[in-house]
Amino acid sequence: MKTMPGILTVITLLLGSKLAFAGATSIVDVKVECNSSCTFSVTLQHADEGWDHYANQWEVVTLDGVVLGSRVLYHPHVNEQPFTRSLSGVKIPAGTKAVKIRAQDSVHGYSAEEYTVPLP
């Protein structure tokens, strides 16, 4: 009976580390081109597991939190990691020198990581 708590601890640690790894959506790279509006190409990394848990959206946000554009990801990318998707036609308010990119997954919501992008 003395080994039971030890086994439960190991199982809990293993399950917790798997959930933590699968929950983090990382923003690997961002490219931006601007003319009258901007196009953002965002590369994400996430341990997509299928339809029940995958990176499902990223957003372009001002530094004070106003959402300027959103790219919904309609399916998992289990065998395509990292992956890049673009969003065109993003209107940037005059005088804006940088924006943030934030990403989310279908289980944990927004990742704590945000990527600040200087605008050209």
PDB file of N, CA and C in Angstrom:
ATOM      1  N   MET A   1       0.811  -1.195   0.000  1.00  0.00           N
ATOM      2  CA  MET A   1       0.000   0.000   0.000  1.00  0.00           C
ATOM      3  C   MET A   1       0.855   1.259   0.000  1.00  0.00           C
ATOM      4  N   LYS A   2       2.085   1.179   0.441  1.00  0.00           N
ATOM      5  CA  LYS A   2       2.925   2.363   0.482  1.00  0.00           C
ATOM      6  C   LYS A   2       3.269   2.865  -0.914  1.00  0.00           C
ATOM      7  N   THR A   3       3.245   2.006  -1.922  1.00  0.00           N
ATOM      8  CA  THR A   3       3.605   2.430  -3.271  1.00  0.00           C
ATOM      9  C   THR A   3       2.448   3.116  -4.001  1.00  0.00           C
ATOM     10  N   MET A   4       1.225   2.951  -3.547  1.00  0.00           N
ATOM     11  CA  MET A   4       0.070   3.536  -4.230  1.00  0.00           C
ATOM     12  C   MET A   4       0.156   5.055  -4.342  1.00  0.00           C
ATOM     13  N   PRO A   5       0.438   5.822  -3.282  1.00  0.00           N
ATOM     14  CA  PRO A   5       0.546   7.270  -3.434  1.00  0.00           C
ATOM     15  C   PRO A   5       1.635   7.656  -4.436  1.00  0.00           C
ATOM     16  N   GLY A   6       2.738   6.921  -4.465  1.00  0.00           N
ATOM     17  CA  GLY A   6       3.807   7.197  -5.416  1.00  0.00           C
ATOM     18  C   GLY A   6       3.353   6.995  -6.856  1.00  0.00           C
ATOM     19  N   ILE A   7       2.609   5.939  -7.105  1.00  0.00           N
ATOM     20  CA  ILE A   7       2.094   5.663  -8.448  1.00  0.00           C
ATOM     21  C   ILE A   7       1.102   6.745  -8.855  1.00  0.00           C
ATOM     22  N   LEU A   8       0.223   7.139  -7.964  1.00  0.00           N
ATOM     23  CA  LEU A   8      -0.744   8.193  -8.267  1.00  0.00           C
ATOM     24  C   LEU A   8      -0.049   9.515  -8.560  1.00  0.00           C
ATOM     25  N   THR A   9       1.024   9.802  -7.831  1.00  0.00           N
ATOM     26  CA  THR A   9       1.775  11.031  -8.073  1.00  0.00           C
ATOM     27  C   THR A   9       2.385  11.019  -9.472  1.00  0.00           C
ATOM     28  N   VAL A  10       2.983   9.901  -9.856  1.00  0.00           N
ATOM     29  CA  VAL A  10       3.592   9.789 -11.183  1.00  0.00           C
ATOM     30  C   VAL A  10       2.532   9.937 -12.271  1.00  0.00           C
ATOM     31  N   ILE A  11       1.397   9.286 -12.113  1.00  0.00           N
ATOM     32  CA  ILE A  11       0.311   9.383 -13.105  1.00  0.00           C
ATOM     33  C   ILE A  11      -0.177  10.830 -13.200  1.00  0.00           C
ATOM     34  N   THR A  12      -0.358  11.485 -12.073  1.00  0.00           N
ATOM     35  CA  THR A  12      -0.807  12.879 -12.070  1.00  0.00           C
ATOM     36  C   THR A  12       0.200  13.777 -12.769  1.00  0.00           C
ATOM     37  N   LEU A  13       1.478  13.594 -12.509  1.00  0.00           N
ATOM     38  CA  LEU A  13       2.506  14.405 -13.158  1.00  0.00           C
ATOM     39  C   LEU A  13       2.534  14.174 -14.665  1.00  0.00           C
ATOM     40  N   LEU A  14       2.406  12.919 -15.080  1.00  0.00           N
ATOM     41  CA  LEU A  14       2.410  12.621 -16.509  1.00  0.00           C
ATOM     42  C   LEU A  14       1.205  13.238 -17.216  1.00  0.00           C
ATOM     43  N   LEU A  15       0.042  13.102 -16.635  1.00  0.00           N
ATOM     44  CA  LEU A  15      -1.161  13.682 -17.240  1.00  0.00           C
ATOM     45  C   LEU A  15      -1.084  15.200 -17.253  1.00  0.00           C
ATOM     46  N   GLY A  16      -0.604  15.781 -16.183  1.00  0.00           N
ATOM     47  CA  GLY A  16      -0.483  17.235 -16.113  1.00  0.00           C
ATOM     48  C   GLY A  16       0.490  17.774 -17.135  1.00  0.00           C
ATOM     49  N   SER A  17       1.616  17.093 -17.359  1.00  0.00           N
ATOM     50  CA  SER A  17       2.584  17.576 -18.342  1.00  0.00           C
ATOM     51  C   SER A  17       2.038  17.447 -19.749  1.00  0.00           C
ATOM     52  N   LYS A  18       1.260  16.405 -20.032  1.00  0.00           N
ATOM     53  CA  LYS A  18       0.657  16.257 -21.360  1.00  0.00           C
ATOM     54  C   LYS A  18      -0.338  17.382 -21.612  1.00  0.00           C
ATOM     55  N   LEU A  19      -1.164  17.714 -20.626  1.00  0.00           N
ATOM     56  CA  LEU A  19      -2.137  18.786 -20.786  1.00  0.00           C
ATOM     57  C   LEU A  19      -1.451  20.130 -20.952  1.00  0.00           C
ATOM     58  N   ALA A  20      -0.380  20.366 -20.217  1.00  0.00           N
ATOM     59  CA  ALA A  20       0.323  21.636 -20.329  1.00  0.00           C
ATOM     60  C   ALA A  20       0.951  21.770 -21.708  1.00  0.00           C
ATOM     61  N   PHE A  21       1.541  20.708 -22.222  1.00  0.00           N
ATOM     62  CA  PHE A  21       2.162  20.750 -23.541  1.00  0.00           C
ATOM     63  C   PHE A  21       1.125  20.959 -24.622  1.00  0.00           C
ATOM     64  N   ALA A  22       0.028  20.238 -24.559  1.00  0.00           N
ATOM     65  CA  ALA A  22      -1.003  20.345 -25.584  1.00  0.00           C
ATOM     66  C   ALA A  22      -1.722  21.685 -25.526  1.00  0.00           C
ATOM     67  N   GLY A  23      -1.710  22.356 -24.384  1.00  0.00           N
ATOM     68  CA  GLY A  23      -2.466  23.577 -24.232  1.00  0.00           C
ATOM     69  C   GLY A  23      -1.790  24.825 -24.761  1.00  0.00           C
ATOM     70  N   ALA A  24      -0.503  24.802 -24.935  1.00  0.00           N
ATOM     71  CA  ALA A  24       0.218  26.009 -25.329  1.00  0.00           C
ATOM     72  C   ALA A  24       0.214  26.189 -26.839  1.00  0.00           C
ATOM     73  N   THR A  25      -0.357  27.304 -27.297  1.00  0.00           N
ATOM     74  CA  THR A  25      -0.267  27.668 -28.703  1.00  0.00           C
ATOM     75  C   THR A  25       0.859  28.673 -28.817  1.00  0.00           C
ATOM     76  N   SER A  26       1.904  28.325 -29.540  1.00  0.00           N
ATOM     77  CA  SER A  26       3.058  29.206 -29.697  1.00  0.00           C
ATOM     78  C   SER A  26       2.987  29.942 -31.020  1.00  0.00           C
ATOM     79  N   ILE A  27       3.283  31.225 -30.975  1.00  0.00           N
ATOM     80  CA  ILE A  27       3.402  32.033 -32.180  1.00  0.00           C
ATOM     81  C   ILE A  27       4.875  31.988 -32.567  1.00  0.00           C
ATOM     82  N   VAL A  28       5.171  31.300 -33.668  1.00  0.00           N
ATOM     83  CA  VAL A  28       6.541  31.064 -34.096  1.00  0.00           C
ATOM     84  C   VAL A  28       7.090  32.242 -34.895  1.00  0.00           C
ATOM     85  N   ASP A  29       6.250  32.842 -35.759  1.00  0.00           N
ATOM     86  CA  ASP A  29       6.717  33.920 -36.630  1.00  0.00           C
ATOM     87  C   ASP A  29       5.523  34.735 -37.105  1.00  0.00           C
ATOM     88  N   VAL A  30       5.770  36.009 -37.390  1.00  0.00           N
ATOM     89  CA  VAL A  30       4.749  36.888 -37.957  1.00  0.00           C
ATOM     90  C   VAL A  30       5.420  37.742 -39.025  1.00  0.00           C
ATOM     91  N   LYS A  31       4.800  37.794 -40.194  1.00  0.00           N
ATOM     92  CA  LYS A  31       5.240  38.685 -41.263  1.00  0.00           C
ATOM     93  C   LYS A  31       4.075  39.610 -41.575  1.00  0.00           C
ATOM     94  N   VAL A  32       4.382  40.878 -41.852  1.00  0.00           N
ATOM     95  CA  VAL A  32       3.327  41.851 -42.150  1.00  0.00           C
ATOM     96  C   VAL A  32       3.750  42.722 -43.330  1.00  0.00           C
ATOM     97  N   GLU A  33       2.804  42.950 -44.218  1.00  0.00           N
ATOM     98  CA  GLU A  33       2.976  43.866 -45.339  1.00  0.00           C
ATOM     99  C   GLU A  33       1.798  44.831 -45.320  1.00  0.00           C
ATOM    100  N   CYS A  34       2.113  46.141 -45.448  1.00  0.00           N
ATOM    101  CA  CYS A  34       1.048  47.138 -45.403  1.00  0.00           C
ATOM    102  C   CYS A  34       1.120  48.068 -46.613  1.00  0.00           C
ATOM    103  N   ASN A  35      -0.030  48.374 -47.161  1.00  0.00           N
ATOM    104  CA  ASN A  35      -0.236  49.425 -48.153  1.00  0.00           C
ATOM    105  C   ASN A  35      -1.411  50.241 -47.644  1.00  0.00           C
ATOM    106  N   SER A  36      -2.570  50.164 -48.283  1.00  0.00           N
ATOM    107  CA  SER A  36      -3.756  50.843 -47.748  1.00  0.00           C
ATOM    108  C   SER A  36      -4.349  50.048 -46.580  1.00  0.00           C
ATOM    109  N   SER A  37      -4.076  48.748 -46.528  1.00  0.00           N
ATOM    110  CA  SER A  37      -4.418  47.874 -45.406  1.00  0.00           C
ATOM    111  C   SER A  37      -3.253  46.911 -45.232  1.00  0.00           C
ATOM    112  N   CYS A  38      -3.323  46.061 -44.231  1.00  0.00           N
ATOM    113  CA  CYS A  38      -2.197  45.154 -43.945  1.00  0.00           C
ATOM    114  C   CYS A  38      -2.589  43.692 -44.129  1.00  0.00           C
ATOM    115  N   THR A  39      -1.603  42.903 -44.510  1.00  0.00           N
ATOM    116  CA  THR A  39      -1.723  41.446 -44.574  1.00  0.00           C
ATOM    117  C   THR A  39      -0.759  40.860 -43.548  1.00  0.00           C
ATOM    118  N   PHE A  40      -1.282  40.010 -42.681  1.00  0.00           N
ATOM    119  CA  PHE A  40      -0.485  39.342 -41.666  1.00  0.00           C
ATOM    120  C   PHE A  40      -0.388  37.865 -42.008  1.00  0.00           C
ATOM    121  N   SER A  41       0.829  37.325 -41.975  1.00  0.00           N
ATOM    122  CA  SER A  41       1.057  35.884 -42.120  1.00  0.00           C
ATOM    123  C   SER A  41       1.631  35.393 -40.803  1.00  0.00           C
ATOM    124  N   VAL A  42       0.881  34.534 -40.132  1.00  0.00           N
ATOM    125  CA  VAL A  42       1.227  34.098 -38.776  1.00  0.00           C
ATOM    126  C   VAL A  42       1.509  32.601 -38.783  1.00  0.00           C
ATOM    127  N   THR A  43       2.639  32.228 -38.222  1.00  0.00           N
ATOM    128  CA  THR A  43       3.018  30.822 -38.093  1.00  0.00           C
ATOM    129  C   THR A  43       2.799  30.393 -36.648  1.00  0.00           C
ATOM    130  N   LEU A  44       1.990  29.339 -36.477  1.00  0.00           N
ATOM    131  CA  LEU A  44       1.665  28.807 -35.158  1.00  0.00           C
ATOM    132  C   LEU A  44       2.210  27.400 -34.981  1.00  0.00           C
ATOM    133  N   GLN A  45       2.455  27.043 -33.741  1.00  0.00           N
ATOM    134  CA  GLN A  45       2.836  25.681 -33.345  1.00  0.00           C
ATOM    135  C   GLN A  45       1.906  25.275 -32.212  1.00  0.00           C
ATOM    136  N   HIS A  46       1.244  24.133 -32.357  1.00  0.00           N
ATOM    137  CA  HIS A  46       0.359  23.632 -31.305  1.00  0.00           C
ATOM    138  C   HIS A  46       0.276  22.118 -31.432  1.00  0.00           C
ATOM    139  N   ALA A  47       0.175  21.450 -30.339  1.00  0.00           N
ATOM    140  CA  ALA A  47       0.067  19.984 -30.337  1.00  0.00           C
ATOM    141  C   ALA A  47      -1.373  19.584 -30.628  1.00  0.00           C
ATOM    142  N   ASP A  48      -1.859  19.930 -31.840  1.00  0.00           N
ATOM    143  CA  ASP A  48      -3.230  19.581 -32.217  1.00  0.00           C
ATOM    144  C   ASP A  48      -3.452  18.085 -32.046  1.00  0.00           C
ATOM    145  N   GLU A  49      -4.577  17.741 -31.440  1.00  0.00           N
ATOM    146  CA  GLU A  49      -4.903  16.336 -31.185  1.00  0.00           C
ATOM    147  C   GLU A  49      -6.076  15.847 -32.020  1.00  0.00           C
ATOM    148  N   GLY A  50      -6.649  16.713 -32.836  1.00  0.00           N
ATOM    149  CA  GLY A  50      -7.830  16.376 -33.616  1.00  0.00           C
ATOM    150  C   GLY A  50      -8.920  17.390 -33.342  1.00  0.00           C
ATOM    151  N   TRP A  51     -10.148  17.044 -33.699  1.00  0.00           N
ATOM    152  CA  TRP A  51     -11.269  17.975 -33.622  1.00  0.00           C
ATOM    153  C   TRP A  51     -11.607  18.438 -32.213  1.00  0.00           C
ATOM    154  N   ASP A  52     -11.226  17.676 -31.193  1.00  0.00           N
ATOM    155  CA  ASP A  52     -11.548  18.046 -29.818  1.00  0.00           C
ATOM    156  C   ASP A  52     -10.556  19.030 -29.206  1.00  0.00           C
ATOM    157  N   HIS A  53      -9.377  19.185 -29.815  1.00  0.00           N
ATOM    158  CA  HIS A  53      -8.351  20.081 -29.248  1.00  0.00           C
ATOM    159  C   HIS A  53      -7.378  20.497 -30.333  1.00  0.00           C
ATOM    160  N   TYR A  54      -7.516  21.754 -30.784  1.00  0.00           N
ATOM    161  CA  TYR A  54      -6.619  22.274 -31.819  1.00  0.00           C
ATOM    162  C   TYR A  54      -6.548  23.798 -31.753  1.00  0.00           C
ATOM    163  N   ALA A  55      -5.490  24.358 -32.329  1.00  0.00           N
ATOM    164  CA  ALA A  55      -5.370  25.818 -32.453  1.00  0.00           C
ATOM    165  C   ALA A  55      -6.465  26.275 -33.404  1.00  0.00           C
ATOM    166  N   ASN A  56      -7.359  27.155 -32.922  1.00  0.00           N
ATOM    167  CA  ASN A  56      -8.535  27.471 -33.732  1.00  0.00           C
ATOM    168  C   ASN A  56      -8.692  28.940 -34.111  1.00  0.00           C
ATOM    169  N   GLN A  57      -7.751  29.807 -33.697  1.00  0.00           N
ATOM    170  CA  GLN A  57      -7.901  31.216 -34.066  1.00  0.00           C
ATOM    171  C   GLN A  57      -6.665  32.012 -33.683  1.00  0.00           C
ATOM    172  N   TRP A  58      -6.388  33.069 -34.446  1.00  0.00           N
ATOM    173  CA  TRP A  58      -5.439  34.084 -34.015  1.00  0.00           C
ATOM    174  C   TRP A  58      -6.004  35.450 -34.370  1.00  0.00           C
ATOM    175  N   GLU A  59      -5.539  36.485 -33.644  1.00  0.00           N
ATOM    176  CA  GLU A  59      -6.079  37.826 -33.807  1.00  0.00           C
ATOM    177  C   GLU A  59      -4.969  38.865 -33.885  1.00  0.00           C
ATOM    178  N   VAL A  60      -5.276  39.953 -34.588  1.00  0.00           N
ATOM    179  CA  VAL A  60      -4.447  41.153 -34.605  1.00  0.00           C
ATOM    180  C   VAL A  60      -5.119  42.140 -33.663  1.00  0.00           C
ATOM    181  N   VAL A  61      -4.366  42.631 -32.670  1.00  0.00           N
ATOM    182  CA  VAL A  61      -4.928  43.443 -31.596  1.00  0.00           C
ATOM    183  C   VAL A  61      -4.040  44.674 -31.374  1.00  0.00           C
ATOM    184  N   THR A  62      -4.657  45.837 -31.146  1.00  0.00           N
ATOM    185  CA  THR A  62      -3.866  47.009 -30.786  1.00  0.00           C
ATOM    186  C   THR A  62      -3.225  46.783 -29.419  1.00  0.00           C
ATOM    187  N   LEU A  63      -2.229  47.603 -29.096  1.00  0.00           N
ATOM    188  CA  LEU A  63      -1.546  47.447 -27.815  1.00  0.00           C
ATOM    189  C   LEU A  63      -2.475  47.704 -26.630  1.00  0.00           C
ATOM    190  N   ASP A  64      -3.585  48.426 -26.865  1.00  0.00           N
ATOM    191  CA  ASP A  64      -4.551  48.639 -25.780  1.00  0.00           C
ATOM    192  C   ASP A  64      -5.758  47.702 -25.868  1.00  0.00           C
ATOM    193  N   GLY A  65      -5.660  46.630 -26.689  1.00  0.00           N
ATOM    194  CA  GLY A  65      -6.638  45.551 -26.643  1.00  0.00           C
ATOM    195  C   GLY A  65      -7.787  45.568 -27.637  1.00  0.00           C
ATOM    196  N   VAL A  66      -7.783  46.483 -28.617  1.00  0.00           N
ATOM    197  CA  VAL A  66      -8.857  46.524 -29.611  1.00  0.00           C
ATOM    198  C   VAL A  66      -8.546  45.516 -30.723  1.00  0.00           C
ATOM    199  N   VAL A  67      -9.479  44.597 -30.989  1.00  0.00           N
ATOM    200  CA  VAL A  67      -9.285  43.586 -32.033  1.00  0.00           C
ATOM    201  C   VAL A  67      -9.491  44.241 -33.401  1.00  0.00           C
ATOM    202  N   LEU A  68      -8.448  44.162 -34.250  1.00  0.00           N
ATOM    203  CA  LEU A  68      -8.501  44.737 -35.593  1.00  0.00           C
ATOM    204  C   LEU A  68      -8.840  43.701 -36.653  1.00  0.00           C
ATOM    205  N   GLY A  69      -8.545  42.447 -36.375  1.00  0.00           N
ATOM    206  CA  GLY A  69      -8.826  41.371 -37.319  1.00  0.00           C
ATOM    207  C   GLY A  69      -8.661  40.024 -36.655  1.00  0.00           C
ATOM    208  N   SER A  70      -9.341  39.028 -37.207  1.00  0.00           N
ATOM    209  CA  SER A  70      -9.319  37.685 -36.625  1.00  0.00           C
ATOM    210  C   SER A  70      -9.281  36.648 -37.736  1.00  0.00           C
ATOM    211  N   ARG A  71      -8.418  35.656 -37.579  1.00  0.00           N
ATOM    212  CA  ARG A  71      -8.345  34.552 -38.527  1.00  0.00           C
ATOM    213  C   ARG A  71      -8.809  33.292 -37.804  1.00  0.00           C
ATOM    214  N   VAL A  72      -9.976  32.794 -38.192  1.00  0.00           N
ATOM    215  CA  VAL A  72     -10.505  31.559 -37.616  1.00  0.00           C
ATOM    216  C   VAL A  72      -9.890  30.386 -38.355  1.00  0.00           C
ATOM    217  N   LEU A  73      -9.467  29.379 -37.612  1.00  0.00           N
ATOM    218  CA  LEU A  73      -8.901  28.156 -38.171  1.00  0.00           C
ATOM    219  C   LEU A  73      -9.956  27.073 -37.992  1.00  0.00           C
ATOM    220  N   TYR A  74     -10.507  26.612 -39.094  1.00  0.00           N
ATOM    221  CA  TYR A  74     -11.702  25.766 -39.051  1.00  0.00           C
ATOM    222  C   TYR A  74     -11.439  24.276 -38.882  1.00  0.00           C
ATOM    223  N   HIS A  75     -10.175  23.878 -38.851  1.00  0.00           N
ATOM    224  CA  HIS A  75      -9.882  22.447 -38.695  1.00  0.00           C
ATOM    225  C   HIS A  75      -8.527  22.266 -38.030  1.00  0.00           C
ATOM    226  N   PRO A  76      -8.283  21.092 -37.448  1.00  0.00           N
ATOM    227  CA  PRO A  76      -6.988  20.816 -36.820  1.00  0.00           C
ATOM    228  C   PRO A  76      -5.887  20.647 -37.862  1.00  0.00           C
ATOM    229  N   HIS A  77      -4.662  20.885 -37.432  1.00  0.00           N
ATOM    230  CA  HIS A  77      -3.475  20.732 -38.275  1.00  0.00           C
ATOM    231  C   HIS A  77      -2.532  19.718 -37.615  1.00  0.00           C
ATOM    232  N   VAL A  78      -3.047  18.521 -37.385  1.00  0.00           N
ATOM    233  CA  VAL A  78      -2.317  17.486 -36.648  1.00  0.00           C
ATOM    234  C   VAL A  78      -0.993  17.144 -37.334  1.00  0.00           C
ATOM    235  N   ASN A  79      -1.007  16.981 -38.648  1.00  0.00           N
ATOM    236  CA  ASN A  79       0.185  16.558 -39.387  1.00  0.00           C
ATOM    237  C   ASN A  79       0.866  17.707 -40.118  1.00  0.00           C
ATOM    238  N   GLU A  80       0.550  18.942 -39.751  1.00  0.00           N
ATOM    239  CA  GLU A  80       1.140  20.116 -40.391  1.00  0.00           C
ATOM    240  C   GLU A  80       1.562  21.092 -39.298  1.00  0.00           C
ATOM    241  N   GLN A  81       2.724  20.876 -38.727  1.00  0.00           N
ATOM    242  CA  GLN A  81       3.220  21.715 -37.637  1.00  0.00           C
ATOM    243  C   GLN A  81       4.665  22.100 -37.893  1.00  0.00           C
ATOM    244  N   PRO A  82       5.040  23.326 -37.682  1.00  0.00           N
ATOM    245  CA  PRO A  82       4.154  24.468 -37.514  1.00  0.00           C
ATOM    246  C   PRO A  82       3.444  24.785 -38.830  1.00  0.00           C
ATOM    247  N   PHE A  83       2.430  25.645 -38.774  1.00  0.00           N
ATOM    248  CA  PHE A  83       1.689  26.000 -39.979  1.00  0.00           C
ATOM    249  C   PHE A  83       1.465  27.509 -40.028  1.00  0.00           C
ATOM    250  N   THR A  84       1.332  28.039 -41.248  1.00  0.00           N
ATOM    251  CA  THR A  84       1.173  29.476 -41.461  1.00  0.00           C
ATOM    252  C   THR A  84      -0.140  29.751 -42.170  1.00  0.00           C
ATOM    253  N   ARG A  85      -0.865  30.755 -41.674  1.00  0.00           N
ATOM    254  CA  ARG A  85      -2.087  31.212 -42.326  1.00  0.00           C
ATOM    255  C   ARG A  85      -2.065  32.731 -42.355  1.00  0.00           C
ATOM    256  N   SER A  86      -2.696  33.306 -43.379  1.00  0.00           N
ATOM    257  CA  SER A  86      -2.670  34.755 -43.577  1.00  0.00           C
ATOM    258  C   SER A  86      -4.049  35.368 -43.406  1.00  0.00           C
ATOM    259  N   LEU A  87      -4.035  36.671 -43.140  1.00  0.00           N
ATOM    260  CA  LEU A  87      -5.247  37.474 -43.047  1.00  0.00           C
ATOM    261  C   LEU A  87      -4.960  38.795 -43.736  1.00  0.00           C
ATOM    262  N   SER A  88      -5.762  39.119 -44.746  1.00  0.00           N
ATOM    263  CA  SER A  88      -5.589  40.357 -45.513  1.00  0.00           C
ATOM    264  C   SER A  88      -6.680  41.356 -45.159  1.00  0.00           C
ATOM    265  N   GLY A  89      -6.449  42.608 -45.554  1.00  0.00           N
ATOM    266  CA  GLY A  89      -7.460  43.640 -45.402  1.00  0.00           C
ATOM    267  C   GLY A  89      -7.600  44.203 -44.009  1.00  0.00           C
ATOM    268  N   VAL A  90      -6.575  44.053 -43.182  1.00  0.00           N
ATOM    269  CA  VAL A  90      -6.643  44.567 -41.812  1.00  0.00           C
ATOM    270  C   VAL A  90      -6.355  46.068 -41.831  1.00  0.00           C
ATOM    271  N   LYS A  91      -7.322  46.851 -41.411  1.00  0.00           N
ATOM    272  CA  LYS A  91      -7.191  48.313 -41.339  1.00  0.00           C
ATOM    273  C   LYS A  91      -6.531  48.693 -40.018  1.00  0.00           C
ATOM    274  N   ILE A  92      -5.476  49.465 -40.123  1.00  0.00           N
ATOM    275  CA  ILE A  92      -4.719  49.883 -38.954  1.00  0.00           C
ATOM    276  C   ILE A  92      -5.020  51.358 -38.667  1.00  0.00           C
ATOM    277  N   PRO A  93      -5.392  51.696 -37.436  1.00  0.00           N
ATOM    278  CA  PRO A  93      -5.651  53.103 -37.105  1.00  0.00           C
ATOM    279  C   PRO A  93      -4.407  53.977 -37.325  1.00  0.00           C
ATOM    280  N   ALA A  94      -4.623  55.194 -37.799  1.00  0.00           N
ATOM    281  CA  ALA A  94      -3.525  56.132 -38.032  1.00  0.00           C
ATOM    282  C   ALA A  94      -2.690  56.302 -36.766  1.00  0.00           C
ATOM    283  N   GLY A  95      -1.390  56.357 -36.931  1.00  0.00           N
ATOM    284  CA  GLY A  95      -0.482  56.556 -35.810  1.00  0.00           C
ATOM    285  C   GLY A  95      -0.088  55.295 -35.075  1.00  0.00           C
ATOM    286  N   THR A  96      -0.662  54.150 -35.441  1.00  0.00           N
ATOM    287  CA  THR A  96      -0.333  52.885 -34.774  1.00  0.00           C
ATOM    288  C   THR A  96       1.028  52.404 -35.254  1.00  0.00           C
ATOM    289  N   LYS A  97       1.941  52.183 -34.333  1.00  0.00           N
ATOM    290  CA  LYS A  97       3.302  51.779 -34.687  1.00  0.00           C
ATOM    291  C   LYS A  97       3.566  50.293 -34.478  1.00  0.00           C
ATOM    292  N   ALA A  98       2.700  49.630 -33.696  1.00  0.00           N
ATOM    293  CA  ALA A  98       2.864  48.199 -33.424  1.00  0.00           C
ATOM    294  C   ALA A  98       1.509  47.610 -33.042  1.00  0.00           C
ATOM    295  N   VAL A  99       1.372  46.307 -33.259  1.00  0.00           N
ATOM    296  CA  VAL A  99       0.182  45.556 -32.840  1.00  0.00           C
ATOM    297  C   VAL A  99       0.648  44.274 -32.172  1.00  0.00           C
ATOM    298  N   LYS A 100      -0.293  43.590 -31.527  1.00  0.00           N
ATOM    299  CA  LYS A 100      -0.007  42.287 -30.929  1.00  0.00           C
ATOM    300  C   LYS A 100      -0.749  41.220 -31.719  1.00  0.00           C
ATOM    301  N   ILE A 101      -0.162  40.032 -31.762  1.00  0.00           N
ATOM    302  CA  ILE A 101      -0.831  38.843 -32.281  1.00  0.00           C
ATOM    303  C   ILE A 101      -1.051  37.934 -31.079  1.00  0.00           C
ATOM    304  N   ARG A 102      -2.275  37.442 -30.951  1.00  0.00           N
ATOM    305  CA  ARG A 102      -2.563  36.472 -29.897  1.00  0.00           C
ATOM    306  C   ARG A 102      -3.281  35.287 -30.540  1.00  0.00           C
ATOM    307  N   ALA A 103      -3.057  34.111 -29.966  1.00  0.00           N
ATOM    308  CA  ALA A 103      -3.622  32.879 -30.526  1.00  0.00           C
ATOM    309  C   ALA A 103      -4.363  32.124 -29.436  1.00  0.00           C
ATOM    310  N   GLN A 104      -5.261  31.254 -29.881  1.00  0.00           N
ATOM    311  CA  GLN A 104      -6.012  30.442 -28.921  1.00  0.00           C
ATOM    312  C   GLN A 104      -6.199  29.041 -29.457  1.00  0.00           C
ATOM    313  N   ASP A 105      -6.545  28.140 -28.549  1.00  0.00           N
ATOM    314  CA  ASP A 105      -6.939  26.800 -28.960  1.00  0.00           C
ATOM    315  C   ASP A 105      -8.346  26.510 -28.449  1.00  0.00           C
ATOM    316  N   SER A 106      -8.922  25.442 -28.944  1.00  0.00           N
ATOM    317  CA  SER A 106     -10.331  25.136 -28.688  1.00  0.00           C
ATOM    318  C   SER A 106     -10.620  24.655 -27.263  1.00  0.00           C
ATOM    319  N   VAL A 107      -9.602  24.359 -26.477  1.00  0.00           N
ATOM    320  CA  VAL A 107      -9.803  23.883 -25.113  1.00  0.00           C
ATOM    321  C   VAL A 107      -9.416  24.947 -24.080  1.00  0.00           C
ATOM    322  N   HIS A 108      -8.258  25.549 -24.244  1.00  0.00           N
ATOM    323  CA  HIS A 108      -7.716  26.440 -23.223  1.00  0.00           C
ATOM    324  C   HIS A 108      -7.926  27.927 -23.499  1.00  0.00           C
ATOM    325  N   GLY A 109      -8.458  28.272 -24.649  1.00  0.00           N
ATOM    326  CA  GLY A 109      -8.636  29.684 -24.966  1.00  0.00           C
ATOM    327  C   GLY A 109      -7.310  30.321 -25.351  1.00  0.00           C
ATOM    328  N   TYR A 110      -7.163  31.621 -25.020  1.00  0.00           N
ATOM    329  CA  TYR A 110      -5.966  32.362 -25.411  1.00  0.00           C
ATOM    330  C   TYR A 110      -4.732  31.876 -24.674  1.00  0.00           C
ATOM    331  N   SER A 111      -3.640  31.802 -25.399  1.00  0.00           N
ATOM    332  CA  SER A 111      -2.347  31.495 -24.813  1.00  0.00           C
ATOM    333  C   SER A 111      -1.859  32.723 -24.055  1.00  0.00           C
ATOM    334  N   ALA A 112      -1.064  32.533 -23.031  1.00  0.00           N
ATOM    335  CA  ALA A 112      -0.490  33.657 -22.291  1.00  0.00           C
ATOM    336  C   ALA A 112       0.500  34.425 -23.159  1.00  0.00           C
ATOM    337  N   GLU A 113       1.076  33.756 -24.131  1.00  0.00           N
ATOM    338  CA  GLU A 113       2.048  34.387 -25.021  1.00  0.00           C
ATOM    339  C   GLU A 113       1.352  35.297 -26.028  1.00  0.00           C
ATOM    340  N   GLU A 114       1.871  36.512 -26.175  1.00  0.00           N
ATOM    341  CA  GLU A 114       1.447  37.420 -27.238  1.00  0.00           C
ATOM    342  C   GLU A 114       2.701  37.878 -27.964  1.00  0.00           C
ATOM    343  N   TYR A 115       2.573  38.148 -29.236  1.00  0.00           N
ATOM    344  CA  TYR A 115       3.705  38.497 -30.081  1.00  0.00           C
ATOM    345  C   TYR A 115       3.501  39.939 -30.547  1.00  0.00           C
ATOM    346  N   THR A 116       4.389  40.841 -30.165  1.00  0.00           N
ATOM    347  CA  THR A 116       4.292  42.239 -30.567  1.00  0.00           C
ATOM    348  C   THR A 116       5.012  42.426 -31.890  1.00  0.00           C
ATOM    349  N   VAL A 117       4.320  43.078 -32.835  1.00  0.00           N
ATOM    350  CA  VAL A 117       4.837  43.247 -34.189  1.00  0.00           C
ATOM    351  C   VAL A 117       4.934  44.737 -34.515  1.00  0.00           C
ATOM    352  N   PRO A 118       6.147  45.236 -34.811  1.00  0.00           N
ATOM    353  CA  PRO A 118       6.255  46.613 -35.291  1.00  0.00           C
ATOM    354  C   PRO A 118       5.682  46.687 -36.715  1.00  0.00           C
ATOM    355  N   LEU A 119       5.010  47.768 -37.029  1.00  0.00           N
ATOM    356  CA  LEU A 119       4.423  47.918 -38.366  1.00  0.00           C
ATOM    357  C   LEU A 119       5.392  48.657 -39.284  1.00  0.00           C
ATOM    358  N   PRO A 120       5.402  48.259 -40.555  1.00  0.00           N
ATOM    359  CA  PRO A 120       6.325  48.926 -41.505  1.00  0.00           C
ATOM    360  C   PRO A 120       5.919  50.371 -41.781  1.00  0.00           C
TER     361      PRO A 120
END
